[in-house]
Amino acid sequence: MLTTEKTADYVKRWVDAFESKNLDRVLAFYTDDVIFHSPLIARLSHDPSGTVQGKAALRAYVKRGFEVFDHIKFTVLDVLRGVDSIAIHYKGITGTHVVEVLFFDKDGMVRESYVHYASPE
């Protein structure tokens, strides 16, 4: 079970990695066979499935995101803990509310992620 302290530290490191726009730092959180789901994948890669599989595909997707968005800032609003997962509620790059659910393997690496965006009002 994830503790409050470990979760808070993890989220801080995760946000810092994305805001640094350092691909290696970001990818260090994910397993080699990660499955990553996001509506932004469909937008950036024109793949309607919204899913990338494997670290190489995730690298290409994140790299593209870093190219498209010159400034990345996440404002964490809340973090919810599960048994082997966390849900991070944050304001994303465009100020949109995002909930990202990260599922961990036994070594604490993200094996699957689901990203959810609030609909524009």
PDB file of N, CA and C in Angstrom:
ATOM      1  N   MET A   1       0.849  -1.182   0.000  1.00  0.00           N
ATOM      2  CA  MET A   1       0.000   0.000   0.000  1.00  0.00           C
ATOM      3  C   MET A   1       0.892   1.242   0.000  1.00  0.00           C
ATOM      4  N   LEU A   2       0.508   2.230  -0.757  1.00  0.00           N
ATOM      5  CA  LEU A   2       1.271   3.467  -0.862  1.00  0.00           C
ATOM      6  C   LEU A   2       0.999   4.358   0.355  1.00  0.00           C
ATOM      7  N   THR A   3       2.044   4.892   0.938  1.00  0.00           N
ATOM      8  CA  THR A   3       1.863   5.797   2.070  1.00  0.00           C
ATOM      9  C   THR A   3       1.656   7.224   1.566  1.00  0.00           C
ATOM     10  N   THR A   4       1.124   8.061   2.432  1.00  0.00           N
ATOM     11  CA  THR A   4       0.914   9.470   2.083  1.00  0.00           C
ATOM     12  C   THR A   4       2.251  10.132   1.754  1.00  0.00           C
ATOM     13  N   GLU A   5       3.273   9.865   2.555  1.00  0.00           N
ATOM     14  CA  GLU A   5       4.580  10.484   2.357  1.00  0.00           C
ATOM     15  C   GLU A   5       5.226  10.044   1.044  1.00  0.00           C
ATOM     16  N   LYS A   6       5.207   8.738   0.783  1.00  0.00           N
ATOM     17  CA  LYS A   6       5.802   8.231  -0.459  1.00  0.00           C
ATOM     18  C   LYS A   6       5.054   8.776  -1.678  1.00  0.00           C
ATOM     19  N   THR A   7       3.742   8.868  -1.557  1.00  0.00           N
ATOM     20  CA  THR A   7       2.936   9.378  -2.665  1.00  0.00           C
ATOM     21  C   THR A   7       3.251  10.842  -2.928  1.00  0.00           C
ATOM     22  N   ALA A   8       3.331  11.653  -1.881  1.00  0.00           N
ATOM     23  CA  ALA A   8       3.631  13.079  -2.040  1.00  0.00           C
ATOM     24  C   ALA A   8       5.000  13.270  -2.695  1.00  0.00           C
ATOM     25  N   ASP A   9       5.993  12.500  -2.257  1.00  0.00           N
ATOM     26  CA  ASP A   9       7.327  12.583  -2.833  1.00  0.00           C
ATOM     27  C   ASP A   9       7.306  12.163  -4.301  1.00  0.00           C
ATOM     28  N   TYR A  10       6.606  11.085  -4.587  1.00  0.00           N
ATOM     29  CA  TYR A  10       6.517  10.579  -5.957  1.00  0.00           C
ATOM     30  C   TYR A  10       5.907  11.642  -6.879  1.00  0.00           C
ATOM     31  N   VAL A  11       4.783  12.218  -6.461  1.00  0.00           N
ATOM     32  CA  VAL A  11       4.088  13.200  -7.300  1.00  0.00           C
ATOM     33  C   VAL A  11       4.980  14.417  -7.541  1.00  0.00           C
ATOM     34  N   LYS A  12       5.686  14.867  -6.520  1.00  0.00           N
ATOM     35  CA  LYS A  12       6.584  16.008  -6.692  1.00  0.00           C
ATOM     36  C   LYS A  12       7.656  15.694  -7.728  1.00  0.00           C
ATOM     37  N   ARG A  13       8.273  14.517  -7.628  1.00  0.00           N
ATOM     38  CA  ARG A  13       9.309  14.128  -8.586  1.00  0.00           C
ATOM     39  C   ARG A  13       8.734  13.982  -9.997  1.00  0.00           C
ATOM     40  N   TRP A  14       7.526  13.432 -10.096  1.00  0.00           N
ATOM     41  CA  TRP A  14       6.862  13.228 -11.392  1.00  0.00           C
ATOM     42  C   TRP A  14       6.574  14.573 -12.059  1.00  0.00           C
ATOM     43  N   VAL A  15       6.011  15.514 -11.299  1.00  0.00           N
ATOM     44  CA  VAL A  15       5.725  16.849 -11.836  1.00  0.00           C
ATOM     45  C   VAL A  15       7.025  17.538 -12.241  1.00  0.00           C
ATOM     46  N   ASP A  16       8.039  17.507 -11.371  1.00  0.00           N
ATOM     47  CA  ASP A  16       9.326  18.132 -11.679  1.00  0.00           C
ATOM     48  C   ASP A  16       9.920  17.578 -12.970  1.00  0.00           C
ATOM     49  N   ALA A  17       9.801  16.268 -13.179  1.00  0.00           N
ATOM     50  CA  ALA A  17      10.349  15.656 -14.386  1.00  0.00           C
ATOM     51  C   ALA A  17       9.655  16.205 -15.638  1.00  0.00           C
ATOM     52  N   PHE A  18       8.325  16.256 -15.619  1.00  0.00           N
ATOM     53  CA  PHE A  18       7.606  16.782 -16.783  1.00  0.00           C
ATOM     54  C   PHE A  18       7.907  18.257 -17.003  1.00  0.00           C
ATOM     55  N   GLU A  19       7.932  19.031 -15.928  1.00  0.00           N
ATOM     56  CA  GLU A  19       8.186  20.468 -16.078  1.00  0.00           C
ATOM     57  C   GLU A  19       9.607  20.748 -16.552  1.00  0.00           C
ATOM     58  N   SER A  20      10.544  19.825 -16.288  1.00  0.00           N
ATOM     59  CA  SER A  20      11.925  19.993 -16.754  1.00  0.00           C
ATOM     60  C   SER A  20      12.047  19.734 -18.256  1.00  0.00           C
ATOM     61  N   LYS A  21      11.052  19.047 -18.820  1.00  0.00           N
ATOM     62  CA  LYS A  21      11.053  18.655 -20.230  1.00  0.00           C
ATOM     63  C   LYS A  21      12.264  17.787 -20.569  1.00  0.00           C
ATOM     64  N   ASN A  22      12.681  16.958 -19.594  1.00  0.00           N
ATOM     65  CA  ASN A  22      13.792  16.051 -19.788  1.00  0.00           C
ATOM     66  C   ASN A  22      13.214  14.654 -20.031  1.00  0.00           C
ATOM     67  N   LEU A  23      13.333  14.184 -21.258  1.00  0.00           N
ATOM     68  CA  LEU A  23      12.738  12.903 -21.641  1.00  0.00           C
ATOM     69  C   LEU A  23      13.204  11.744 -20.758  1.00  0.00           C
ATOM     70  N   ASP A  24      14.481  11.683 -20.485  1.00  0.00           N
ATOM     71  CA  ASP A  24      14.988  10.563 -19.684  1.00  0.00           C
ATOM     72  C   ASP A  24      14.421  10.587 -18.262  1.00  0.00           C
ATOM     73  N   ARG A  25      14.312  11.775 -17.673  1.00  0.00           N
ATOM     74  CA  ARG A  25      13.724  11.878 -16.332  1.00  0.00           C
ATOM     75  C   ARG A  25      12.273  11.427 -16.335  1.00  0.00           C
ATOM     76  N   VAL A  26      11.519  11.830 -17.343  1.00  0.00           N
ATOM     77  CA  VAL A  26      10.111  11.440 -17.435  1.00  0.00           C
ATOM     78  C   VAL A  26       9.983   9.939 -17.629  1.00  0.00           C
ATOM     79  N   LEU A  27      10.720   9.403 -18.572  1.00  0.00           N
ATOM     80  CA  LEU A  27      10.585   7.981 -18.912  1.00  0.00           C
ATOM     81  C   LEU A  27      11.074   7.056 -17.807  1.00  0.00           C
ATOM     82  N   ALA A  28      11.878   7.563 -16.883  1.00  0.00           N
ATOM     83  CA  ALA A  28      12.375   6.750 -15.772  1.00  0.00           C
ATOM     84  C   ALA A  28      11.248   6.271 -14.857  1.00  0.00           C
ATOM     85  N   PHE A  29      10.074   6.871 -14.942  1.00  0.00           N
ATOM     86  CA  PHE A  29       8.933   6.478 -14.107  1.00  0.00           C
ATOM     87  C   PHE A  29       8.172   5.275 -14.678  1.00  0.00           C
ATOM     88  N   TYR A  30       8.419   4.916 -15.934  1.00  0.00           N
ATOM     89  CA  TYR A  30       7.581   3.955 -16.647  1.00  0.00           C
ATOM     90  C   TYR A  30       8.311   2.647 -16.962  1.00  0.00           C
ATOM     91  N   THR A  31       7.555   1.538 -16.971  1.00  0.00           N
ATOM     92  CA  THR A  31       8.111   0.243 -17.352  1.00  0.00           C
ATOM     93  C   THR A  31       8.376   0.219 -18.859  1.00  0.00           C
ATOM     94  N   ASP A  32       9.194  -0.722 -19.289  1.00  0.00           N
ATOM     95  CA  ASP A  32       9.498  -0.849 -20.720  1.00  0.00           C
ATOM     96  C   ASP A  32       8.252  -1.202 -21.528  1.00  0.00           C
ATOM     97  N   ASP A  33       7.306  -1.906 -20.911  1.00  0.00           N
ATOM     98  CA  ASP A  33       6.095  -2.329 -21.627  1.00  0.00           C
ATOM     99  C   ASP A  33       4.861  -1.517 -21.213  1.00  0.00           C
ATOM    100  N   VAL A  34       5.083  -0.277 -20.797  1.00  0.00           N
ATOM    101  CA  VAL A  34       3.999   0.593 -20.348  1.00  0.00           C
ATOM    102  C   VAL A  34       2.907   0.718 -21.415  1.00  0.00           C
ATOM    103  N   ILE A  35       1.678   0.867 -20.934  1.00  0.00           N
ATOM    104  CA  ILE A  35       0.540   1.187 -21.804  1.00  0.00           C
ATOM    105  C   ILE A  35       0.015   2.523 -21.314  1.00  0.00           C
ATOM    106  N   PHE A  36      -0.078   3.486 -22.214  1.00  0.00           N
ATOM    107  CA  PHE A  36      -0.413   4.862 -21.853  1.00  0.00           C
ATOM    108  C   PHE A  36      -1.595   5.305 -22.711  1.00  0.00           C
ATOM    109  N   HIS A  37      -2.670   5.745 -22.040  1.00  0.00           N
ATOM    110  CA  HIS A  37      -3.900   6.149 -22.725  1.00  0.00           C
ATOM    111  C   HIS A  37      -4.147   7.641 -22.477  1.00  0.00           C
ATOM    112  N   SER A  38      -4.375   8.398 -23.541  1.00  0.00           N
ATOM    113  CA  SER A  38      -4.660   9.819 -23.390  1.00  0.00           C
ATOM    114  C   SER A  38      -5.342  10.357 -24.645  1.00  0.00           C
ATOM    115  N   PRO A  39      -6.363  11.193 -24.458  1.00  0.00           N
ATOM    116  CA  PRO A  39      -6.965  11.839 -25.624  1.00  0.00           C
ATOM    117  C   PRO A  39      -5.957  12.710 -26.378  1.00  0.00           C
ATOM    118  N   LEU A  40      -4.940  13.197 -25.683  1.00  0.00           N
ATOM    119  CA  LEU A  40      -3.933  14.029 -26.339  1.00  0.00           C
ATOM    120  C   LEU A  40      -3.110  13.228 -27.340  1.00  0.00           C
ATOM    121  N   ILE A  41      -2.987  11.928 -27.131  1.00  0.00           N
ATOM    122  CA  ILE A  41      -2.281  11.077 -28.099  1.00  0.00           C
ATOM    123  C   ILE A  41      -2.982  11.157 -29.453  1.00  0.00           C
ATOM    124  N   ALA A  42      -4.298  11.059 -29.418  1.00  0.00           N
ATOM    125  CA  ALA A  42      -5.064  11.134 -30.670  1.00  0.00           C
ATOM    126  C   ALA A  42      -4.826  12.472 -31.361  1.00  0.00           C
ATOM    127  N   ARG A  43      -4.750  13.537 -30.574  1.00  0.00           N
ATOM    128  CA  ARG A  43      -4.566  14.874 -31.149  1.00  0.00           C
ATOM    129  C   ARG A  43      -3.159  15.070 -31.707  1.00  0.00           C
ATOM    130  N   LEU A  44      -2.151  14.630 -30.977  1.00  0.00           N
ATOM    131  CA  LEU A  44      -0.773  14.880 -31.399  1.00  0.00           C
ATOM    132  C   LEU A  44      -0.272  13.900 -32.449  1.00  0.00           C
ATOM    133  N   SER A  45      -0.769  12.672 -32.431  1.00  0.00           N
ATOM    134  CA  SER A  45      -0.246  11.667 -33.354  1.00  0.00           C
ATOM    135  C   SER A  45      -1.255  11.244 -34.415  1.00  0.00           C
ATOM    136  N   HIS A  46      -2.455  11.781 -34.325  1.00  0.00           N
ATOM    137  CA  HIS A  46      -3.529  11.430 -35.259  1.00  0.00           C
ATOM    138  C   HIS A  46      -3.863   9.937 -35.203  1.00  0.00           C
ATOM    139  N   ASP A  47      -3.625   9.337 -34.032  1.00  0.00           N
ATOM    140  CA  ASP A  47      -3.992   7.934 -33.803  1.00  0.00           C
ATOM    141  C   ASP A  47      -5.269   7.934 -32.979  1.00  0.00           C
ATOM    142  N   PRO A  48      -6.394   7.592 -33.574  1.00  0.00           N
ATOM    143  CA  PRO A  48      -7.673   7.681 -32.859  1.00  0.00           C
ATOM    144  C   PRO A  48      -7.792   6.748 -31.657  1.00  0.00           C
ATOM    145  N   SER A  49      -6.890   5.764 -31.534  1.00  0.00           N
ATOM    146  CA  SER A  49      -6.967   4.857 -30.390  1.00  0.00           C
ATOM    147  C   SER A  49      -6.629   5.585 -29.091  1.00  0.00           C
ATOM    148  N   GLY A  50      -5.809   6.635 -29.184  1.00  0.00           N
ATOM    149  CA  GLY A  50      -5.407   7.368 -27.995  1.00  0.00           C
ATOM    150  C   GLY A  50      -4.509   6.559 -27.076  1.00  0.00           C
ATOM    151  N   THR A  51      -3.844   5.552 -27.612  1.00  0.00           N
ATOM    152  CA  THR A  51      -3.022   4.663 -26.787  1.00  0.00           C
ATOM    153  C   THR A  51      -1.657   4.458 -27.428  1.00  0.00           C
ATOM    154  N   VAL A  52      -0.613   4.499 -26.580  1.00  0.00           N
ATOM    155  CA  VAL A  52       0.714   4.083 -27.023  1.00  0.00           C
ATOM    156  C   VAL A  52       1.144   2.930 -26.124  1.00  0.00           C
ATOM    157  N   GLN A  53       1.898   2.011 -26.714  1.00  0.00           N
ATOM    158  CA  GLN A  53       2.355   0.831 -25.967  1.00  0.00           C
ATOM    159  C   GLN A  53       3.865   0.727 -26.070  1.00  0.00           C
ATOM    160  N   GLY A  54       4.504   0.589 -24.919  1.00  0.00           N
ATOM    161  CA  GLY A  54       5.953   0.454 -24.856  1.00  0.00           C
ATOM    162  C   GLY A  54       6.643   1.788 -24.652  1.00  0.00           C
ATOM    163  N   LYS A  55       7.806   1.714 -24.030  1.00  0.00           N
ATOM    164  CA  LYS A  55       8.544   2.930 -23.685  1.00  0.00           C
ATOM    165  C   LYS A  55       9.010   3.696 -24.923  1.00  0.00           C
ATOM    166  N   ALA A  56       9.354   3.002 -26.002  1.00  0.00           N
ATOM    167  CA  ALA A  56       9.791   3.692 -27.219  1.00  0.00           C
ATOM    168  C   ALA A  56       8.653   4.544 -27.788  1.00  0.00           C
ATOM    169  N   ALA A  57       7.441   3.997 -27.808  1.00  0.00           N
ATOM    170  CA  ALA A  57       6.292   4.755 -28.303  1.00  0.00           C
ATOM    171  C   ALA A  57       5.949   5.898 -27.351  1.00  0.00           C
ATOM    172  N   LEU A  58       6.070   5.662 -26.052  1.00  0.00           N
ATOM    173  CA  LEU A  58       5.824   6.729 -25.082  1.00  0.00           C
ATOM    174  C   LEU A  58       6.857   7.833 -25.243  1.00  0.00           C
ATOM    175  N   ARG A  59       8.100   7.464 -25.483  1.00  0.00           N
ATOM    176  CA  ARG A  59       9.159   8.466 -25.714  1.00  0.00           C
ATOM    177  C   ARG A  59       8.789   9.366 -26.893  1.00  0.00           C
ATOM    178  N   ALA A  60       8.365   8.766 -27.996  1.00  0.00           N
ATOM    179  CA  ALA A  60       8.007   9.550 -29.186  1.00  0.00           C
ATOM    180  C   ALA A  60       6.843  10.490 -28.884  1.00  0.00           C
ATOM    181  N   TYR A  61       5.843  10.002 -28.157  1.00  0.00           N
ATOM    182  CA  TYR A  61       4.683  10.822 -27.800  1.00  0.00           C
ATOM    183  C   TYR A  61       5.077  11.987 -26.882  1.00  0.00           C
ATOM    184  N   VAL A  62       5.838  11.696 -25.837  1.00  0.00           N
ATOM    185  CA  VAL A  62       6.236  12.756 -24.899  1.00  0.00           C
ATOM    186  C   VAL A  62       7.145  13.764 -25.602  1.00  0.00           C
ATOM    187  N   LYS A  63       8.049  13.277 -26.432  1.00  0.00           N
ATOM    188  CA  LYS A  63       8.931  14.173 -27.195  1.00  0.00           C
ATOM    189  C   LYS A  63       8.105  15.125 -28.057  1.00  0.00           C
ATOM    190  N   ARG A  64       7.088  14.585 -28.709  1.00  0.00           N
ATOM    191  CA  ARG A  64       6.209  15.423 -29.544  1.00  0.00           C
ATOM    192  C   ARG A  64       5.492  16.460 -28.677  1.00  0.00           C
ATOM    193  N   GLY A  65       5.016  16.057 -27.516  1.00  0.00           N
ATOM    194  CA  GLY A  65       4.374  16.997 -26.604  1.00  0.00           C
ATOM    195  C   GLY A  65       5.314  18.106 -26.179  1.00  0.00           C
ATOM    196  N   PHE A  66       6.568  17.767 -25.906  1.00  0.00           N
ATOM    197  CA  PHE A  66       7.548  18.777 -25.519  1.00  0.00           C
ATOM    198  C   PHE A  66       7.815  19.748 -26.666  1.00  0.00           C
ATOM    199  N   GLU A  67       7.723  19.266 -27.906  1.00  0.00           N
ATOM    200  CA  GLU A  67       7.921  20.139 -29.067  1.00  0.00           C
ATOM    201  C   GLU A  67       6.730  21.078 -29.261  1.00  0.00           C
ATOM    202  N   VAL A  68       5.527  20.568 -29.036  1.00  0.00           N
ATOM    203  CA  VAL A  68       4.310  21.355 -29.260  1.00  0.00           C
ATOM    204  C   VAL A  68       4.091  22.390 -28.153  1.00  0.00           C
ATOM    205  N   PHE A  69       4.350  21.991 -26.917  1.00  0.00           N
ATOM    206  CA  PHE A  69       4.110  22.871 -25.772  1.00  0.00           C
ATOM    207  C   PHE A  69       5.453  23.366 -25.244  1.00  0.00           C
ATOM    208  N   ASP A  70       5.738  24.650 -25.493  1.00  0.00           N
ATOM    209  CA  ASP A  70       7.046  25.168 -25.100  1.00  0.00           C
ATOM    210  C   ASP A  70       7.186  25.352 -23.591  1.00  0.00           C
ATOM    211  N   HIS A  71       6.080  25.448 -22.882  1.00  0.00           N
ATOM    212  CA  HIS A  71       6.138  25.631 -21.426  1.00  0.00           C
ATOM    213  C   HIS A  71       5.194  24.622 -20.785  1.00  0.00           C
ATOM    214  N   ILE A  72       5.704  23.851 -19.839  1.00  0.00           N
ATOM    215  CA  ILE A  72       4.861  22.869 -19.163  1.00  0.00           C
ATOM    216  C   ILE A  72       4.819  23.208 -17.680  1.00  0.00           C
ATOM    217  N   LYS A  73       3.608  23.403 -17.180  1.00  0.00           N
ATOM    218  CA  LYS A  73       3.395  23.703 -15.769  1.00  0.00           C
ATOM    219  C   LYS A  73       2.161  22.950 -15.310  1.00  0.00           C
ATOM    220  N   PHE A  74       2.326  22.121 -14.285  1.00  0.00           N
ATOM    221  CA  PHE A  74       1.212  21.393 -13.683  1.00  0.00           C
ATOM    222  C   PHE A  74       0.972  21.956 -12.287  1.00  0.00           C
ATOM    223  N   THR A  75      -0.270  22.245 -11.983  1.00  0.00           N
ATOM    224  CA  THR A  75      -0.653  22.651 -10.634  1.00  0.00           C
ATOM    225  C   THR A  75      -1.454  21.514 -10.027  1.00  0.00           C
ATOM    226  N   VAL A  76      -0.853  20.799  -9.081  1.00  0.00           N
ATOM    227  CA  VAL A  76      -1.513  19.652  -8.467  1.00  0.00           C
ATOM    228  C   VAL A  76      -2.613  20.150  -7.530  1.00  0.00           C
ATOM    229  N   LEU A  77      -3.830  19.642  -7.740  1.00  0.00           N
ATOM    230  CA  LEU A  77      -4.989  20.021  -6.932  1.00  0.00           C
ATOM    231  C   LEU A  77      -5.315  18.973  -5.872  1.00  0.00           C
ATOM    232  N   ASP A  78      -5.073  17.714  -6.200  1.00  0.00           N
ATOM    233  CA  ASP A  78      -5.357  16.644  -5.249  1.00  0.00           C
ATOM    234  C   ASP A  78      -4.688  15.365  -5.731  1.00  0.00           C
ATOM    235  N   VAL A  79      -4.410  14.477  -4.791  1.00  0.00           N
ATOM    236  CA  VAL A  79      -3.856  13.167  -5.107  1.00  0.00           C
ATOM    237  C   VAL A  79      -4.634  12.139  -4.306  1.00  0.00           C
ATOM    238  N   LEU A  80      -5.126  11.117  -4.995  1.00  0.00           N
ATOM    239  CA  LEU A  80      -5.866  10.044  -4.332  1.00  0.00           C
ATOM    240  C   LEU A  80      -5.067   8.763  -4.470  1.00  0.00           C
ATOM    241  N   ARG A  81      -5.018   7.980  -3.379  1.00  0.00           N
ATOM    242  CA  ARG A  81      -4.225   6.763  -3.358  1.00  0.00           C
ATOM    243  C   ARG A  81      -5.112   5.531  -3.413  1.00  0.00           C
ATOM    244  N   GLY A  82      -4.656   4.557  -4.166  1.00  0.00           N
ATOM    245  CA  GLY A  82      -5.292   3.245  -4.188  1.00  0.00           C
ATOM    246  C   GLY A  82      -4.319   2.223  -3.651  1.00  0.00           C
ATOM    247  N   VAL A  83      -4.569   0.955  -3.902  1.00  0.00           N
ATOM    248  CA  VAL A  83      -3.676  -0.104  -3.442  1.00  0.00           C
ATOM    249  C   VAL A  83      -2.378  -0.084  -4.247  1.00  0.00           C
ATOM    250  N   ASP A  84      -2.490  -0.093  -5.563  1.00  0.00           N
ATOM    251  CA  ASP A  84      -1.310  -0.074  -6.422  1.00  0.00           C
ATOM    252  C   ASP A  84      -1.419   1.021  -7.474  1.00  0.00           C
ATOM    253  N   SER A  85      -2.112   2.100  -7.118  1.00  0.00           N
ATOM    254  CA  SER A  85      -2.321   3.184  -8.074  1.00  0.00           C
ATOM    255  C   SER A  85      -2.508   4.506  -7.340  1.00  0.00           C
ATOM    256  N   ILE A  86      -2.301   5.587  -8.087  1.00  0.00           N
ATOM    257  CA  ILE A  86      -2.646   6.919  -7.600  1.00  0.00           C
ATOM    258  C   ILE A  86      -3.372   7.647  -8.717  1.00  0.00           C
ATOM    259  N   ALA A  87      -4.222   8.585  -8.324  1.00  0.00           N
ATOM    260  CA  ALA A  87      -4.893   9.476  -9.274  1.00  0.00           C
ATOM    261  C   ALA A  87      -4.449  10.885  -8.936  1.00  0.00           C
ATOM    262  N   ILE A  88      -3.865  11.555  -9.903  1.00  0.00           N
ATOM    263  CA  ILE A  88      -3.388  12.922  -9.712  1.00  0.00           C
ATOM    264  C   ILE A  88      -4.350  13.859 -10.428  1.00  0.00           C
ATOM    265  N   HIS A  89      -4.965  14.764  -9.681  1.00  0.00           N
ATOM    266  CA  HIS A  89      -5.857  15.773 -10.245  1.00  0.00           C
ATOM    267  C   HIS A  89      -5.050  17.067 -10.307  1.00  0.00           C
ATOM    268  N   TYR A  90      -4.881  17.590 -11.519  1.00  0.00           N
ATOM    269  CA  TYR A  90      -4.066  18.791 -11.678  1.00  0.00           C
ATOM    270  C   TYR A  90      -4.615  19.668 -12.786  1.00  0.00           C
ATOM    271  N   LYS A  91      -4.181  20.933 -12.778  1.00  0.00           N
ATOM    272  CA  LYS A  91      -4.421  21.804 -13.915  1.00  0.00           C
ATOM    273  C   LYS A  91      -3.261  21.586 -14.851  1.00  0.00           C
ATOM    274  N   GLY A  92      -3.608  21.278 -16.094  1.00  0.00           N
ATOM    275  CA  GLY A  92      -2.582  20.941 -17.077  1.00  0.00           C
ATOM    276  C   GLY A  92      -2.036  22.144 -17.811  1.00  0.00           C
ATOM    277  N   ILE A  93      -1.399  21.865 -18.913  1.00  0.00           N
ATOM    278  CA  ILE A  93      -0.671  22.850 -19.711  1.00  0.00           C
ATOM    279  C   ILE A  93      -1.555  24.022 -20.120  1.00  0.00           C
ATOM    280  N   THR A  94      -2.772  23.758 -20.512  1.00  0.00           N
ATOM    281  CA  THR A  94      -3.662  24.824 -20.988  1.00  0.00           C
ATOM    282  C   THR A  94      -4.611  25.314 -19.901  1.00  0.00           C
ATOM    283  N   GLY A  95      -4.398  24.894 -18.662  1.00  0.00           N
ATOM    284  CA  GLY A  95      -5.286  25.282 -17.569  1.00  0.00           C
ATOM    285  C   GLY A  95      -6.478  24.362 -17.406  1.00  0.00           C
ATOM    286  N   THR A  96      -6.552  23.351 -18.247  1.00  0.00           N
ATOM    287  CA  THR A  96      -7.637  22.380 -18.194  1.00  0.00           C
ATOM    288  C   THR A  96      -7.426  21.445 -17.006  1.00  0.00           C
ATOM    289  N   HIS A  97      -8.507  21.045 -16.356  1.00  0.00           N
ATOM    290  CA  HIS A  97      -8.414  20.064 -15.285  1.00  0.00           C
ATOM    291  C   HIS A  97      -8.143  18.689 -15.883  1.00  0.00           C
ATOM    292  N   VAL A  98      -7.193  17.984 -15.273  1.00  0.00           N
ATOM    293  CA  VAL A  98      -6.768  16.674 -15.737  1.00  0.00           C
ATOM    294  C   VAL A  98      -6.741  15.730 -14.538  1.00  0.00           C
ATOM    295  N   VAL A  99      -7.167  14.494 -14.755  1.00  0.00           N
ATOM    296  CA  VAL A  99      -6.964  13.435 -13.774  1.00  0.00           C
ATOM    297  C   VAL A  99      -6.175  12.345 -14.478  1.00  0.00           C
ATOM    298  N   GLU A 100      -5.011  12.046 -13.917  1.00  0.00           N
ATOM    299  CA  GLU A 100      -4.162  11.005 -14.470  1.00  0.00           C
ATOM    300  C   GLU A 100      -4.072   9.893 -13.439  1.00  0.00           C
ATOM    301  N   VAL A 101      -4.430   8.679 -13.860  1.00  0.00           N
ATOM    302  CA  VAL A 101      -4.401   7.520 -12.969  1.00  0.00           C
ATOM    303  C   VAL A 101      -3.219   6.652 -13.375  1.00  0.00           C
ATOM    304  N   LEU A 102      -2.296   6.471 -12.428  1.00  0.00           N
ATOM    305  CA  LEU A 102      -1.085   5.709 -12.667  1.00  0.00           C
ATOM    306  C   LEU A 102      -1.165   4.392 -11.909  1.00  0.00           C
ATOM    307  N   PHE A 103      -0.980   3.286 -12.619  1.00  0.00           N
ATOM    308  CA  PHE A 103      -0.979   1.951 -12.022  1.00  0.00           C
ATOM    309  C   PHE A 103       0.460   1.454 -11.966  1.00  0.00           C
ATOM    310  N   PHE A 104       0.884   0.989 -10.783  1.00  0.00           N
ATOM    311  CA  PHE A 104       2.273   0.603 -10.556  1.00  0.00           C
ATOM    312  C   PHE A 104       2.464  -0.912 -10.587  1.00  0.00           C
ATOM    313  N   ASP A 105       3.664  -1.319 -10.989  1.00  0.00           N
ATOM    314  CA  ASP A 105       4.034  -2.728 -10.863  1.00  0.00           C
ATOM    315  C   ASP A 105       4.627  -2.945  -9.469  1.00  0.00           C
ATOM    316  N   LYS A 106       5.100  -4.135  -9.190  1.00  0.00           N
ATOM    317  CA  LYS A 106       5.613  -4.467  -7.852  1.00  0.00           C
ATOM    318  C   LYS A 106       6.874  -3.685  -7.499  1.00  0.00           C
ATOM    319  N   ASP A 107       7.558  -3.118  -8.500  1.00  0.00           N
ATOM    320  CA  ASP A 107       8.777  -2.350  -8.270  1.00  0.00           C
ATOM    321  C   ASP A 107       8.528  -0.846  -8.184  1.00  0.00           C
ATOM    322  N   GLY A 108       7.254  -0.441  -8.253  1.00  0.00           N
ATOM    323  CA  GLY A 108       6.926   0.976  -8.151  1.00  0.00           C
ATOM    324  C   GLY A 108       7.039   1.749  -9.449  1.00  0.00           C
ATOM    325  N   MET A 109       7.104   1.024 -10.562  1.00  0.00           N
ATOM    326  CA  MET A 109       7.159   1.665 -11.880  1.00  0.00           C
ATOM    327  C   MET A 109       5.749   1.709 -12.463  1.00  0.00           C
ATOM    328  N   VAL A 110       5.468   2.745 -13.263  1.00  0.00           N
ATOM    329  CA  VAL A 110       4.149   2.864 -13.888  1.00  0.00           C
ATOM    330  C   VAL A 110       4.062   1.855 -15.018  1.00  0.00           C
ATOM    331  N   ARG A 111       3.065   0.952 -14.903  1.00  0.00           N
ATOM    332  CA  ARG A 111       2.856  -0.057 -15.939  1.00  0.00           C
ATOM    333  C   ARG A 111       1.720   0.338 -16.870  1.00  0.00           C
ATOM    334  N   GLU A 112       0.819   1.203 -16.362  1.00  0.00           N
ATOM    335  CA  GLU A 112      -0.297   1.668 -17.191  1.00  0.00           C
ATOM    336  C   GLU A 112      -0.772   3.010 -16.657  1.00  0.00           C
ATOM    337  N   SER A 113      -1.174   3.877 -17.577  1.00  0.00           N
ATOM    338  CA  SER A 113      -1.641   5.203 -17.203  1.00  0.00           C
ATOM    339  C   SER A 113      -2.859   5.574 -18.044  1.00  0.00           C
ATOM    340  N   TYR A 114      -3.842   6.166 -17.385  1.00  0.00           N
ATOM    341  CA  TYR A 114      -5.035   6.682 -18.047  1.00  0.00           C
ATOM    342  C   TYR A 114      -5.150   8.161 -17.740  1.00  0.00           C
ATOM    343  N   VAL A 115      -5.228   8.972 -18.774  1.00  0.00           N
ATOM    344  CA  VAL A 115      -5.326  10.415 -18.604  1.00  0.00           C
ATOM    345  C   VAL A 115      -6.737  10.851 -19.015  1.00  0.00           C
ATOM    346  N   HIS A 116      -7.354  11.684 -18.172  1.00  0.00           N
ATOM    347  CA  HIS A 116      -8.721  12.173 -18.391  1.00  0.00           C
ATOM    348  C   HIS A 116      -8.707  13.700 -18.364  1.00  0.00           C
ATOM    349  N   TYR A 117      -9.336  14.320 -19.346  1.00  0.00           N
ATOM    350  CA  TYR A 117      -9.404  15.775 -19.432  1.00  0.00           C
ATOM    351  C   TYR A 117     -10.830  16.253 -19.232  1.00  0.00           C
ATOM    352  N   ALA A 118     -10.974  17.369 -18.511  1.00  0.00           N
ATOM    353  CA  ALA A 118     -12.295  17.988 -18.361  1.00  0.00           C
ATOM    354  C   ALA A 118     -12.715  18.531 -19.727  1.00  0.00           C
ATOM    355  N   SER A 119     -14.002  18.441 -20.002  1.00  0.00           N
ATOM    356  CA  SER A 119     -14.516  18.976 -21.253  1.00  0.00           C
ATOM    357  C   SER A 119     -14.510  20.502 -21.192  1.00  0.00           C
ATOM    358  N   PRO A 120     -14.210  21.153 -22.298  1.00  0.00           N
ATOM    359  CA  PRO A 120     -14.274  22.620 -22.296  1.00  0.00           C
ATOM    360  C   PRO A 120     -15.710  23.068 -22.015  1.00  0.00           C
ATOM    361  N   GLU A 121     -15.812  24.148 -21.293  1.00  0.00           N
ATOM    362  CA  GLU A 121     -17.161  24.631 -20.953  1.00  0.00           C
ATOM    363  C   GLU A 121     -17.743  25.478 -22.052  1.00  0.00           C
TER     364      GLU A 121
END
